[in-house]
Amino acid sequence: MEQESTMLVKKIARMIEQKKGEDIVIFDLRGLSPITDYFIISTGLSDVHIRTIAEHILKSESAQHIEGREAAAWVLLDFIDVIVHLFSKDARDFYGLERLWGDAPTVEYGSD
C-alpha cells in the first residue's frame, strides 16, 4: 500500500508538470499527519490553467473528493493517500501550506 501511494504521488506530480504546473512540491507526511501520506502543491497561471491541470489528472486517476473546481483559485483533489493542492499564485501565498508543512521531508518525482 505504501509503495502504491509513493508511485501515485510521483505519477501525479509528473502529470502536473506535463501541463506546465509551476513550483511543484511534494511533502511526505507519513508519520506526521493522520490525514494523508502526501501533499502535492503546485501553482497554475490562471483559473483555466488550474482546471486544465485538474482535468488532466482526473482523466487518469479517480479522486475520492474534489473541492474548488468551479472557482479554481484553489482546487483540491483527494486521493486518500495523496492530496493535491492546485493554487493560483495569490491563493498559494495566502494559505501558506509550505509554512505549515515546511518541516516535512520532500519527495523527488523524476524518472524512476
PDB file of N, CA and C in Angstrom:
ATOM      1  N   MET A   1       0.830  -1.202   0.000  1.00  0.00           N
ATOM      2  CA  MET A   1       0.000   0.000   0.000  1.00  0.00           C
ATOM      3  C   MET A   1       0.868   1.257   0.000  1.00  0.00           C
ATOM      4  N   GLU A   2       1.876   1.277   0.860  1.00  0.00           N
ATOM      5  CA  GLU A   2       2.752   2.439   0.945  1.00  0.00           C
ATOM      6  C   GLU A   2       3.460   2.692  -0.380  1.00  0.00           C
ATOM      7  N   GLN A   3       3.927   1.638  -1.016  1.00  0.00           N
ATOM      8  CA  GLN A   3       4.602   1.785  -2.299  1.00  0.00           C
ATOM      9  C   GLN A   3       3.630   2.315  -3.361  1.00  0.00           C
ATOM     10  N   GLU A   4       2.369   1.888  -3.304  1.00  0.00           N
ATOM     11  CA  GLU A   4       1.367   2.380  -4.250  1.00  0.00           C
ATOM     12  C   GLU A   4       1.169   3.883  -4.121  1.00  0.00           C
ATOM     13  N   SER A   5       1.104   4.384  -2.887  1.00  0.00           N
ATOM     14  CA  SER A   5       0.912   5.828  -2.711  1.00  0.00           C
ATOM     15  C   SER A   5       2.147   6.600  -3.157  1.00  0.00           C
ATOM     16  N   THR A   6       3.328   6.042  -2.965  1.00  0.00           N
ATOM     17  CA  THR A   6       4.556   6.687  -3.434  1.00  0.00           C
ATOM     18  C   THR A   6       4.576   6.743  -4.959  1.00  0.00           C
ATOM     19  N   MET A   7       4.172   5.673  -5.607  1.00  0.00           N
ATOM     20  CA  MET A   7       4.110   5.659  -7.071  1.00  0.00           C
ATOM     21  C   MET A   7       3.048   6.646  -7.570  1.00  0.00           C
ATOM     22  N   LEU A   8       1.902   6.697  -6.898  1.00  0.00           N
ATOM     23  CA  LEU A   8       0.819   7.594  -7.298  1.00  0.00           C
ATOM     24  C   LEU A   8       1.243   9.053  -7.173  1.00  0.00           C
ATOM     25  N   VAL A   9       1.869   9.408  -6.077  1.00  0.00           N
ATOM     26  CA  VAL A   9       2.249  10.803  -5.878  1.00  0.00           C
ATOM     27  C   VAL A   9       3.241  11.259  -6.947  1.00  0.00           C
ATOM     28  N   LYS A  10       4.168  10.394  -7.318  1.00  0.00           N
ATOM     29  CA  LYS A  10       5.135  10.741  -8.364  1.00  0.00           C
ATOM     30  C   LYS A  10       4.463  10.842  -9.730  1.00  0.00           C
ATOM     31  N   LYS A  11       3.536   9.934  -9.997  1.00  0.00           N
ATOM     32  CA  LYS A  11       2.804   9.967 -11.269  1.00  0.00           C
ATOM     33  C   LYS A  11       2.007  11.257 -11.398  1.00  0.00           C
ATOM     34  N   ILE A  12       1.309  11.641 -10.344  1.00  0.00           N
ATOM     35  CA  ILE A  12       0.505  12.862 -10.388  1.00  0.00           C
ATOM     36  C   ILE A  12       1.394  14.085 -10.548  1.00  0.00           C
ATOM     37  N   ALA A  13       2.523  14.123  -9.857  1.00  0.00           N
ATOM     38  CA  ALA A  13       3.442  15.256  -9.999  1.00  0.00           C
ATOM     39  C   ALA A  13       3.928  15.389 -11.437  1.00  0.00           C
ATOM     40  N   ARG A  14       4.226  14.265 -12.072  1.00  0.00           N
ATOM     41  CA  ARG A  14       4.654  14.307 -13.482  1.00  0.00           C
ATOM     42  C   ARG A  14       3.510  14.768 -14.385  1.00  0.00           C
ATOM     43  N   MET A  15       2.284  14.404 -14.046  1.00  0.00           N
ATOM     44  CA  MET A  15       1.132  14.854 -14.827  1.00  0.00           C
ATOM     45  C   MET A  15       0.950  16.373 -14.696  1.00  0.00           C
ATOM     46  N   ILE A  16       1.154  16.890 -13.507  1.00  0.00           N
ATOM     47  CA  ILE A  16       1.082  18.340 -13.302  1.00  0.00           C
ATOM     48  C   ILE A  16       2.157  19.022 -14.135  1.00  0.00           C
ATOM     49  N   GLU A  17       3.338  18.452 -14.119  1.00  0.00           N
ATOM     50  CA  GLU A  17       4.449  19.005 -14.894  1.00  0.00           C
ATOM     51  C   GLU A  17       4.146  18.991 -16.392  1.00  0.00           C
ATOM     52  N   GLN A  18       3.494  17.934 -16.876  1.00  0.00           N
ATOM     53  CA  GLN A  18       3.121  17.852 -18.293  1.00  0.00           C
ATOM     54  C   GLN A  18       2.239  19.024 -18.721  1.00  0.00           C
ATOM     55  N   LYS A  19       1.405  19.489 -17.822  1.00  0.00           N
ATOM     56  CA  LYS A  19       0.503  20.607 -18.121  1.00  0.00           C
ATOM     57  C   LYS A  19       1.072  21.943 -17.642  1.00  0.00           C
ATOM     58  N   LYS A  20       2.372  21.948 -17.382  1.00  0.00           N
ATOM     59  CA  LYS A  20       3.107  23.183 -17.060  1.00  0.00           C
ATOM     60  C   LYS A  20       2.714  23.809 -15.724  1.00  0.00           C
ATOM     61  N   GLY A  21       2.296  22.966 -14.772  1.00  0.00           N
ATOM     62  CA  GLY A  21       2.110  23.458 -13.414  1.00  0.00           C
ATOM     63  C   GLY A  21       3.464  23.916 -12.881  1.00  0.00           C
ATOM     64  N   GLU A  22       3.470  24.937 -12.062  1.00  0.00           N
ATOM     65  CA  GLU A  22       4.719  25.527 -11.581  1.00  0.00           C
ATOM     66  C   GLU A  22       4.957  25.227 -10.111  1.00  0.00           C
ATOM     67  N   ASP A  23       6.237  25.299  -9.733  1.00  0.00           N
ATOM     68  CA  ASP A  23       6.655  25.181  -8.327  1.00  0.00           C
ATOM     69  C   ASP A  23       6.038  23.967  -7.645  1.00  0.00           C
ATOM     70  N   ILE A  24       6.196  22.805  -8.243  1.00  0.00           N
ATOM     71  CA  ILE A  24       5.633  21.565  -7.702  1.00  0.00           C
ATOM     72  C   ILE A  24       6.459  21.122  -6.506  1.00  0.00           C
ATOM     73  N   VAL A  25       5.784  20.901  -5.389  1.00  0.00           N
ATOM     74  CA  VAL A  25       6.430  20.411  -4.174  1.00  0.00           C
ATOM     75  C   VAL A  25       5.611  19.232  -3.656  1.00  0.00           C
ATOM     76  N   ILE A  26       6.305  18.175  -3.271  1.00  0.00           N
ATOM     77  CA  ILE A  26       5.654  17.022  -2.653  1.00  0.00           C
ATOM     78  C   ILE A  26       6.161  16.917  -1.223  1.00  0.00           C
ATOM     79  N   PHE A  27       5.234  16.945  -0.266  1.00  0.00           N
ATOM     80  CA  PHE A  27       5.580  16.743   1.134  1.00  0.00           C
ATOM     81  C   PHE A  27       5.222  15.324   1.542  1.00  0.00           C
ATOM     82  N   ASP A  28       6.164  14.644   2.170  1.00  0.00           N
ATOM     83  CA  ASP A  28       5.950  13.303   2.710  1.00  0.00           C
ATOM     84  C   ASP A  28       5.444  13.465   4.140  1.00  0.00           C
ATOM     85  N   LEU A  29       4.175  13.219   4.336  1.00  0.00           N
ATOM     86  CA  LEU A  29       3.542  13.434   5.638  1.00  0.00           C
ATOM     87  C   LEU A  29       3.343  12.135   6.423  1.00  0.00           C
ATOM     88  N   ARG A  30       3.904  11.037   5.907  1.00  0.00           N
ATOM     89  CA  ARG A  30       3.760   9.768   6.625  1.00  0.00           C
ATOM     90  C   ARG A  30       4.372   9.919   8.017  1.00  0.00           C
ATOM     91  N   GLY A  31       3.589   9.566   9.020  1.00  0.00           N
ATOM     92  CA  GLY A  31       4.044   9.681  10.402  1.00  0.00           C
ATOM     93  C   GLY A  31       3.881  11.077  10.983  1.00  0.00           C
ATOM     94  N   LEU A  32       3.516  12.054  10.158  1.00  0.00           N
ATOM     95  CA  LEU A  32       3.331  13.428  10.632  1.00  0.00           C
ATOM     96  C   LEU A  32       1.863  13.847  10.657  1.00  0.00           C
ATOM     97  N   SER A  33       1.055  13.214   9.810  1.00  0.00           N
ATOM     98  CA  SER A  33      -0.349  13.593   9.702  1.00  0.00           C
ATOM     99  C   SER A  33      -1.220  12.339   9.580  1.00  0.00           C
ATOM    100  N   PRO A  34      -2.314  12.300  10.328  1.00  0.00           N
ATOM    101  CA  PRO A  34      -3.238  11.166  10.174  1.00  0.00           C
ATOM    102  C   PRO A  34      -4.140  11.315   8.948  1.00  0.00           C
ATOM    103  N   ILE A  35      -4.085  12.468   8.290  1.00  0.00           N
ATOM    104  CA  ILE A  35      -4.991  12.770   7.190  1.00  0.00           C
ATOM    105  C   ILE A  35      -4.589  12.068   5.899  1.00  0.00           C
ATOM    106  N   THR A  36      -3.301  12.107   5.569  1.00  0.00           N
ATOM    107  CA  THR A  36      -2.825  11.604   4.281  1.00  0.00           C
ATOM    108  C   THR A  36      -1.349  11.273   4.369  1.00  0.00           C
ATOM    109  N   ASP A  37      -0.842  10.589   3.360  1.00  0.00           N
ATOM    110  CA  ASP A  37       0.591  10.289   3.291  1.00  0.00           C
ATOM    111  C   ASP A  37       1.379  11.401   2.611  1.00  0.00           C
ATOM    112  N   TYR A  38       0.763  12.019   1.590  1.00  0.00           N
ATOM    113  CA  TYR A  38       1.475  13.019   0.799  1.00  0.00           C
ATOM    114  C   TYR A  38       0.577  14.203   0.451  1.00  0.00           C
ATOM    115  N   PHE A  39       1.180  15.383   0.418  1.00  0.00           N
ATOM    116  CA  PHE A  39       0.588  16.574  -0.171  1.00  0.00           C
ATOM    117  C   PHE A  39       1.402  16.906  -1.410  1.00  0.00           C
ATOM    118  N   ILE A  40       0.720  17.210  -2.501  1.00  0.00           N
ATOM    119  CA  ILE A  40       1.361  17.819  -3.668  1.00  0.00           C
ATOM    120  C   ILE A  40       0.816  19.229  -3.753  1.00  0.00           C
ATOM    121  N   ILE A  41       1.707  20.194  -3.881  1.00  0.00           N
ATOM    122  CA  ILE A  41       1.311  21.590  -4.026  1.00  0.00           C
ATOM    123  C   ILE A  41       1.898  22.100  -5.332  1.00  0.00           C
ATOM    124  N   SER A  42       1.070  22.785  -6.119  1.00  0.00           N
ATOM    125  CA  SER A  42       1.532  23.362  -7.374  1.00  0.00           C
ATOM    126  C   SER A  42       0.753  24.637  -7.663  1.00  0.00           C
ATOM    127  N   THR A  43       1.345  25.472  -8.505  1.00  0.00           N
ATOM    128  CA  THR A  43       0.729  26.728  -8.898  1.00  0.00           C
ATOM    129  C   THR A  43       0.355  26.685 -10.369  1.00  0.00           C
ATOM    130  N   GLY A  44      -0.847  27.193 -10.665  1.00  0.00           N
ATOM    131  CA  GLY A  44      -1.285  27.383 -12.043  1.00  0.00           C
ATOM    132  C   GLY A  44      -1.297  28.862 -12.373  1.00  0.00           C
ATOM    133  N   LEU A  45      -1.221  29.176 -13.647  1.00  0.00           N
ATOM    134  CA  LEU A  45      -1.113  30.568 -14.078  1.00  0.00           C
ATOM    135  C   LEU A  45      -2.447  31.305 -14.100  1.00  0.00           C
ATOM    136  N   SER A  46      -3.552  30.563 -14.168  1.00  0.00           N
ATOM    137  CA  SER A  46      -4.890  31.166 -14.226  1.00  0.00           C
ATOM    138  C   SER A  46      -5.905  30.119 -13.780  1.00  0.00           C
ATOM    139  N   ASP A  47      -7.145  30.555 -13.590  1.00  0.00           N
ATOM    140  CA  ASP A  47      -8.210  29.607 -13.236  1.00  0.00           C
ATOM    141  C   ASP A  47      -8.353  28.524 -14.302  1.00  0.00           C
ATOM    142  N   VAL A  48      -8.290  28.927 -15.567  1.00  0.00           N
ATOM    143  CA  VAL A  48      -8.407  27.965 -16.671  1.00  0.00           C
ATOM    144  C   VAL A  48      -7.245  26.973 -16.628  1.00  0.00           C
ATOM    145  N   HIS A  49      -6.051  27.460 -16.363  1.00  0.00           N
ATOM    146  CA  HIS A  49      -4.877  26.583 -16.287  1.00  0.00           C
ATOM    147  C   HIS A  49      -5.020  25.582 -15.139  1.00  0.00           C
ATOM    148  N   ILE A  50      -5.477  26.054 -13.990  1.00  0.00           N
ATOM    149  CA  ILE A  50      -5.659  25.176 -12.828  1.00  0.00           C
ATOM    150  C   ILE A  50      -6.699  24.095 -13.132  1.00  0.00           C
ATOM    151  N   ARG A  51      -7.815  24.489 -13.739  1.00  0.00           N
ATOM    152  CA  ARG A  51      -8.848  23.499 -14.111  1.00  0.00           C
ATOM    153  C   ARG A  51      -8.302  22.494 -15.123  1.00  0.00           C
ATOM    154  N   THR A  52      -7.499  22.977 -16.074  1.00  0.00           N
ATOM    155  CA  THR A  52      -6.909  22.085 -17.076  1.00  0.00           C
ATOM    156  C   THR A  52      -6.005  21.048 -16.427  1.00  0.00           C
ATOM    157  N   ILE A  53      -5.193  21.475 -15.482  1.00  0.00           N
ATOM    158  CA  ILE A  53      -4.321  20.534 -14.762  1.00  0.00           C
ATOM    159  C   ILE A  53      -5.169  19.507 -14.015  1.00  0.00           C
ATOM    160  N   ALA A  54      -6.190  19.988 -13.303  1.00  0.00           N
ATOM    161  CA  ALA A  54      -7.066  19.082 -12.544  1.00  0.00           C
ATOM    162  C   ALA A  54      -7.737  18.069 -13.465  1.00  0.00           C
ATOM    163  N   GLU A  55      -8.275  18.526 -14.580  1.00  0.00           N
ATOM    164  CA  GLU A  55      -8.947  17.622 -15.523  1.00  0.00           C
ATOM    165  C   GLU A  55      -7.967  16.597 -16.099  1.00  0.00           C
ATOM    166  N   HIS A  56      -6.742  17.026 -16.357  1.00  0.00           N
ATOM    167  CA  HIS A  56      -5.717  16.109 -16.876  1.00  0.00           C
ATOM    168  C   HIS A  56      -5.460  14.970 -15.874  1.00  0.00           C
ATOM    169  N   ILE A  57      -5.358  15.311 -14.617  1.00  0.00           N
ATOM    170  CA  ILE A  57      -5.146  14.298 -13.571  1.00  0.00           C
ATOM    171  C   ILE A  57      -6.360  13.378 -13.475  1.00  0.00           C
ATOM    172  N   LEU A  58      -7.551  13.973 -13.502  1.00  0.00           N
ATOM    173  CA  LEU A  58      -8.782  13.197 -13.312  1.00  0.00           C
ATOM    174  C   LEU A  58      -9.115  12.290 -14.492  1.00  0.00           C
ATOM    175  N   LYS A  59      -8.514  12.522 -15.646  1.00  0.00           N
ATOM    176  CA  LYS A  59      -8.691  11.599 -16.773  1.00  0.00           C
ATOM    177  C   LYS A  59      -8.030  10.257 -16.491  1.00  0.00           C
ATOM    178  N   SER A  60      -6.992  10.277 -15.657  1.00  0.00           N
ATOM    179  CA  SER A  60      -6.219   9.074 -15.381  1.00  0.00           C
ATOM    180  C   SER A  60      -6.510   8.482 -14.001  1.00  0.00           C
ATOM    181  N   GLU A  61      -6.798   9.334 -13.047  1.00  0.00           N
ATOM    182  CA  GLU A  61      -6.972   8.900 -11.659  1.00  0.00           C
ATOM    183  C   GLU A  61      -8.342   9.339 -11.142  1.00  0.00           C
ATOM    184  N   SER A  62      -8.941   8.507 -10.320  1.00  0.00           N
ATOM    185  CA  SER A  62     -10.262   8.795  -9.769  1.00  0.00           C
ATOM    186  C   SER A  62     -10.133   9.329  -8.344  1.00  0.00           C
ATOM    187  N   ALA A  63     -10.488  10.601  -8.154  1.00  0.00           N
ATOM    188  CA  ALA A  63     -10.398  11.223  -6.830  1.00  0.00           C
ATOM    189  C   ALA A  63     -11.594  10.824  -5.972  1.00  0.00           C
ATOM    190  N   GLN A  64     -11.359  10.708  -4.682  1.00  0.00           N
ATOM    191  CA  GLN A  64     -12.428  10.423  -3.732  1.00  0.00           C
ATOM    192  C   GLN A  64     -13.260  11.669  -3.444  1.00  0.00           C
ATOM    193  N   HIS A  65     -12.588  12.830  -3.536  1.00  0.00           N
ATOM    194  CA  HIS A  65     -13.269  14.089  -3.238  1.00  0.00           C
ATOM    195  C   HIS A  65     -12.585  15.205  -4.018  1.00  0.00           C
ATOM    196  N   ILE A  66     -13.377  16.163  -4.489  1.00  0.00           N
ATOM    197  CA  ILE A  66     -12.858  17.305  -5.250  1.00  0.00           C
ATOM    198  C   ILE A  66     -13.481  18.570  -4.670  1.00  0.00           C
ATOM    199  N   GLU A  67     -12.657  19.583  -4.446  1.00  0.00           N
ATOM    200  CA  GLU A  67     -13.135  20.883  -3.970  1.00  0.00           C
ATOM    201  C   GLU A  67     -12.596  21.982  -4.872  1.00  0.00           C
ATOM    202  N   GLY A  68     -13.370  23.032  -5.073  1.00  0.00           N
ATOM    203  CA  GLY A  68     -12.906  24.240  -5.726  1.00  0.00           C
ATOM    204  C   GLY A  68     -12.839  24.206  -7.234  1.00  0.00           C
ATOM    205  N   ARG A  69     -13.402  23.209  -7.841  1.00  0.00           N
ATOM    206  CA  ARG A  69     -13.292  23.043  -9.289  1.00  0.00           C
ATOM    207  C   ARG A  69     -13.887  24.216 -10.067  1.00  0.00           C
ATOM    208  N   GLU A  70     -14.964  24.790  -9.569  1.00  0.00           N
ATOM    209  CA  GLU A  70     -15.618  25.891 -10.278  1.00  0.00           C
ATOM    210  C   GLU A  70     -14.835  27.190 -10.162  1.00  0.00           C
ATOM    211  N   ALA A  71     -14.478  27.586  -8.956  1.00  0.00           N
ATOM    212  CA  ALA A  71     -13.760  28.854  -8.753  1.00  0.00           C
ATOM    213  C   ALA A  71     -12.321  28.740  -9.245  1.00  0.00           C
ATOM    214  N   ALA A  72     -11.692  27.616  -8.964  1.00  0.00           N
ATOM    215  CA  ALA A  72     -10.369  27.243  -9.459  1.00  0.00           C
ATOM    216  C   ALA A  72      -9.219  28.113  -8.970  1.00  0.00           C
ATOM    217  N   ALA A  73      -9.400  28.933  -7.941  1.00  0.00           N
ATOM    218  CA  ALA A  73      -8.255  29.616  -7.339  1.00  0.00           C
ATOM    219  C   ALA A  73      -7.479  28.627  -6.465  1.00  0.00           C
ATOM    220  N   TRP A  74      -8.202  27.615  -5.962  1.00  0.00           N
ATOM    221  CA  TRP A  74      -7.586  26.531  -5.195  1.00  0.00           C
ATOM    222  C   TRP A  74      -8.430  25.290  -5.449  1.00  0.00           C
ATOM    223  N   VAL A  75      -7.877  24.353  -6.179  1.00  0.00           N
ATOM    224  CA  VAL A  75      -8.554  23.079  -6.417  1.00  0.00           C
ATOM    225  C   VAL A  75      -7.856  22.023  -5.578  1.00  0.00           C
ATOM    226  N   LEU A  76      -8.657  21.266  -4.841  1.00  0.00           N
ATOM    227  CA  LEU A  76      -8.142  20.184  -4.024  1.00  0.00           C
ATOM    228  C   LEU A  76      -8.669  18.873  -4.602  1.00  0.00           C
ATOM    229  N   LEU A  77      -7.757  17.952  -4.860  1.00  0.00           N
ATOM    230  CA  LEU A  77      -8.102  16.609  -5.330  1.00  0.00           C
ATOM    231  C   LEU A  77      -7.645  15.631  -4.258  1.00  0.00           C
ATOM    232  N   ASP A  78      -8.580  14.888  -3.690  1.00  0.00           N
ATOM    233  CA  ASP A  78      -8.267  13.975  -2.589  1.00  0.00           C
ATOM    234  C   ASP A  78      -8.282  12.541  -3.109  1.00  0.00           C
ATOM    235  N   PHE A  79      -7.111  11.928  -3.089  1.00  0.00           N
ATOM    236  CA  PHE A  79      -6.957  10.530  -3.489  1.00  0.00           C
ATOM    237  C   PHE A  79      -6.682   9.650  -2.256  1.00  0.00           C
ATOM    238  N   ILE A  80      -7.108  10.094  -1.089  1.00  0.00           N
ATOM    239  CA  ILE A  80      -6.944   9.459   0.214  1.00  0.00           C
ATOM    240  C   ILE A  80      -5.478   9.510   0.665  1.00  0.00           C
ATOM    241  N   ASP A  81      -4.598   8.725   0.069  1.00  0.00           N
ATOM    242  CA  ASP A  81      -3.192   8.721   0.479  1.00  0.00           C
ATOM    243  C   ASP A  81      -2.410   9.889  -0.107  1.00  0.00           C
ATOM    244  N   VAL A  82      -2.978  10.544  -1.096  1.00  0.00           N
ATOM    245  CA  VAL A  82      -2.356  11.690  -1.760  1.00  0.00           C
ATOM    246  C   VAL A  82      -3.405  12.787  -1.890  1.00  0.00           C
ATOM    247  N   ILE A  83      -3.066  13.989  -1.424  1.00  0.00           N
ATOM    248  CA  ILE A  83      -3.947  15.142  -1.607  1.00  0.00           C
ATOM    249  C   ILE A  83      -3.205  16.159  -2.454  1.00  0.00           C
ATOM    250  N   VAL A  84      -3.860  16.574  -3.534  1.00  0.00           N
ATOM    251  CA  VAL A  84      -3.275  17.518  -4.487  1.00  0.00           C
ATOM    252  C   VAL A  84      -3.902  18.890  -4.263  1.00  0.00           C
ATOM    253  N   HIS A  85      -3.050  19.911  -4.120  1.00  0.00           N
ATOM    254  CA  HIS A  85      -3.485  21.292  -3.992  1.00  0.00           C
ATOM    255  C   HIS A  85      -2.977  22.052  -5.210  1.00  0.00           C
ATOM    256  N   LEU A  86      -3.891  22.531  -6.032  1.00  0.00           N
ATOM    257  CA  LEU A  86      -3.545  23.338  -7.202  1.00  0.00           C
ATOM    258  C   LEU A  86      -4.006  24.764  -6.909  1.00  0.00           C
ATOM    259  N   PHE A  87      -3.053  25.679  -6.813  1.00  0.00           N
ATOM    260  CA  PHE A  87      -3.328  27.045  -6.385  1.00  0.00           C
ATOM    261  C   PHE A  87      -3.051  28.069  -7.472  1.00  0.00           C
ATOM    262  N   SER A  88      -3.768  29.202  -7.397  1.00  0.00           N
ATOM    263  CA  SER A  88      -3.300  30.411  -8.068  1.00  0.00           C
ATOM    264  C   SER A  88      -2.130  30.918  -7.215  1.00  0.00           C
ATOM    265  N   LYS A  89      -1.309  31.770  -7.769  1.00  0.00           N
ATOM    266  CA  LYS A  89      -0.169  32.285  -7.012  1.00  0.00           C
ATOM    267  C   LYS A  89      -0.634  33.002  -5.747  1.00  0.00           C
ATOM    268  N   ASP A  90      -1.653  33.857  -5.872  1.00  0.00           N
ATOM    269  CA  ASP A  90      -2.143  34.606  -4.713  1.00  0.00           C
ATOM    270  C   ASP A  90      -2.693  33.682  -3.625  1.00  0.00           C
ATOM    271  N   ALA A  91      -3.467  32.669  -4.026  1.00  0.00           N
ATOM    272  CA  ALA A  91      -4.035  31.734  -3.047  1.00  0.00           C
ATOM    273  C   ALA A  91      -2.922  30.934  -2.367  1.00  0.00           C
ATOM    274  N   ARG A  92      -1.928  30.527  -3.132  1.00  0.00           N
ATOM    275  CA  ARG A  92      -0.819  29.762  -2.539  1.00  0.00           C
ATOM    276  C   ARG A  92      -0.082  30.599  -1.512  1.00  0.00           C
ATOM    277  N   ASP A  93       0.175  31.852  -1.847  1.00  0.00           N
ATOM    278  CA  ASP A  93       0.838  32.747  -0.890  1.00  0.00           C
ATOM    279  C   ASP A  93      -0.030  32.966   0.343  1.00  0.00           C
ATOM    280  N   PHE A  94      -1.333  33.158   0.141  1.00  0.00           N
ATOM    281  CA  PHE A  94      -2.252  33.438   1.245  1.00  0.00           C
ATOM    282  C   PHE A  94      -2.355  32.257   2.215  1.00  0.00           C
ATOM    283  N   TYR A  95      -2.569  31.055   1.691  1.00  0.00           N
ATOM    284  CA  TYR A  95      -2.786  29.896   2.557  1.00  0.00           C
ATOM    285  C   TYR A  95      -1.502  29.326   3.133  1.00  0.00           C
ATOM    286  N   GLY A  96      -0.398  29.483   2.461  1.00  0.00           N
ATOM    287  CA  GLY A  96       0.910  29.147   3.015  1.00  0.00           C
ATOM    288  C   GLY A  96       1.080  27.724   3.518  1.00  0.00           C
ATOM    289  N   LEU A  97       0.629  26.747   2.757  1.00  0.00           N
ATOM    290  CA  LEU A  97       0.791  25.361   3.206  1.00  0.00           C
ATOM    291  C   LEU A  97       2.257  24.987   3.389  1.00  0.00           C
ATOM    292  N   GLU A  98       3.140  25.597   2.615  1.00  0.00           N
ATOM    293  CA  GLU A  98       4.575  25.319   2.794  1.00  0.00           C
ATOM    294  C   GLU A  98       5.046  25.765   4.169  1.00  0.00           C
ATOM    295  N   ARG A  99       4.480  26.848   4.684  1.00  0.00           N
ATOM    296  CA  ARG A  99       4.851  27.297   6.031  1.00  0.00           C
ATOM    297  C   ARG A  99       4.365  26.293   7.079  1.00  0.00           C
ATOM    298  N   LEU A 100       3.182  25.731   6.848  1.00  0.00           N
ATOM    299  CA  LEU A 100       2.630  24.769   7.813  1.00  0.00           C
ATOM    300  C   LEU A 100       3.369  23.441   7.802  1.00  0.00           C
ATOM    301  N   TRP A 101       3.746  22.971   6.604  1.00  0.00           N
ATOM    302  CA  TRP A 101       4.333  21.645   6.460  1.00  0.00           C
ATOM    303  C   TRP A 101       5.811  21.684   6.049  1.00  0.00           C
ATOM    304  N   GLY A 102       6.435  22.842   6.156  1.00  0.00           N
ATOM    305  CA  GLY A 102       7.806  23.031   5.690  1.00  0.00           C
ATOM    306  C   GLY A 102       8.839  22.146   6.353  1.00  0.00           C
ATOM    307  N   ASP A 103       8.543  21.622   7.541  1.00  0.00           N
ATOM    308  CA  ASP A 103       9.493  20.730   8.221  1.00  0.00           C
ATOM    309  C   ASP A 103       9.402  19.291   7.714  1.00  0.00           C
ATOM    310  N   ALA A 104       8.364  18.994   6.962  1.00  0.00           N
ATOM    311  CA  ALA A 104       8.193  17.626   6.428  1.00  0.00           C
ATOM    312  C   ALA A 104       9.204  17.390   5.306  1.00  0.00           C
ATOM    313  N   PRO A 105       9.662  16.155   5.183  1.00  0.00           N
ATOM    314  CA  PRO A 105      10.572  15.845   4.055  1.00  0.00           C
ATOM    315  C   PRO A 105       9.850  16.010   2.720  1.00  0.00           C
ATOM    316  N   THR A 106      10.613  16.327   1.705  1.00  0.00           N
ATOM    317  CA  THR A 106      10.052  16.428   0.360  1.00  0.00           C
ATOM    318  C   THR A 106      10.466  15.216  -0.441  1.00  0.00           C
ATOM    319  N   VAL A 107       9.744  14.989  -1.540  1.00  0.00           N
ATOM    320  CA  VAL A 107       9.947  13.816  -2.381  1.00  0.00           C
ATOM    321  C   VAL A 107      10.300  14.277  -3.783  1.00  0.00           C
ATOM    322  N   GLU A 108      11.302  13.670  -4.371  1.00  0.00           N
ATOM    323  CA  GLU A 108      11.637  13.911  -5.774  1.00  0.00           C
ATOM    324  C   GLU A 108      10.712  13.035  -6.624  1.00  0.00           C
ATOM    325  N   TYR A 109      10.353  13.509  -7.798  1.00  0.00           N
ATOM    326  CA  TYR A 109       9.401  12.755  -8.617  1.00  0.00           C
ATOM    327  C   TYR A 109       9.914  12.498 -10.021  1.00  0.00           C
ATOM    328  N   GLY A 110      11.177  12.689 -10.271  1.00  0.00           N
ATOM    329  CA  GLY A 110      11.729  12.447 -11.606  1.00  0.00           C
ATOM    330  C   GLY A 110      11.610  10.977 -11.998  1.00  0.00           C
ATOM    331  N   SER A 111      12.163  10.634 -13.125  1.00  0.00           N
ATOM    332  CA  SER A 111      12.044   9.265 -13.622  1.00  0.00           C
ATOM    333  C   SER A 111      12.649   8.258 -12.655  1.00  0.00           C
ATOM    334  N   ASP A 112      11.958   7.169 -12.481  1.00  0.00           N
ATOM    335  CA  ASP A 112      12.409   6.101 -11.562  1.00  0.00           C
ATOM    336  C   ASP A 112      13.219   5.058 -12.294  1.00  0.00           C
TER     337      ASP A 112
END
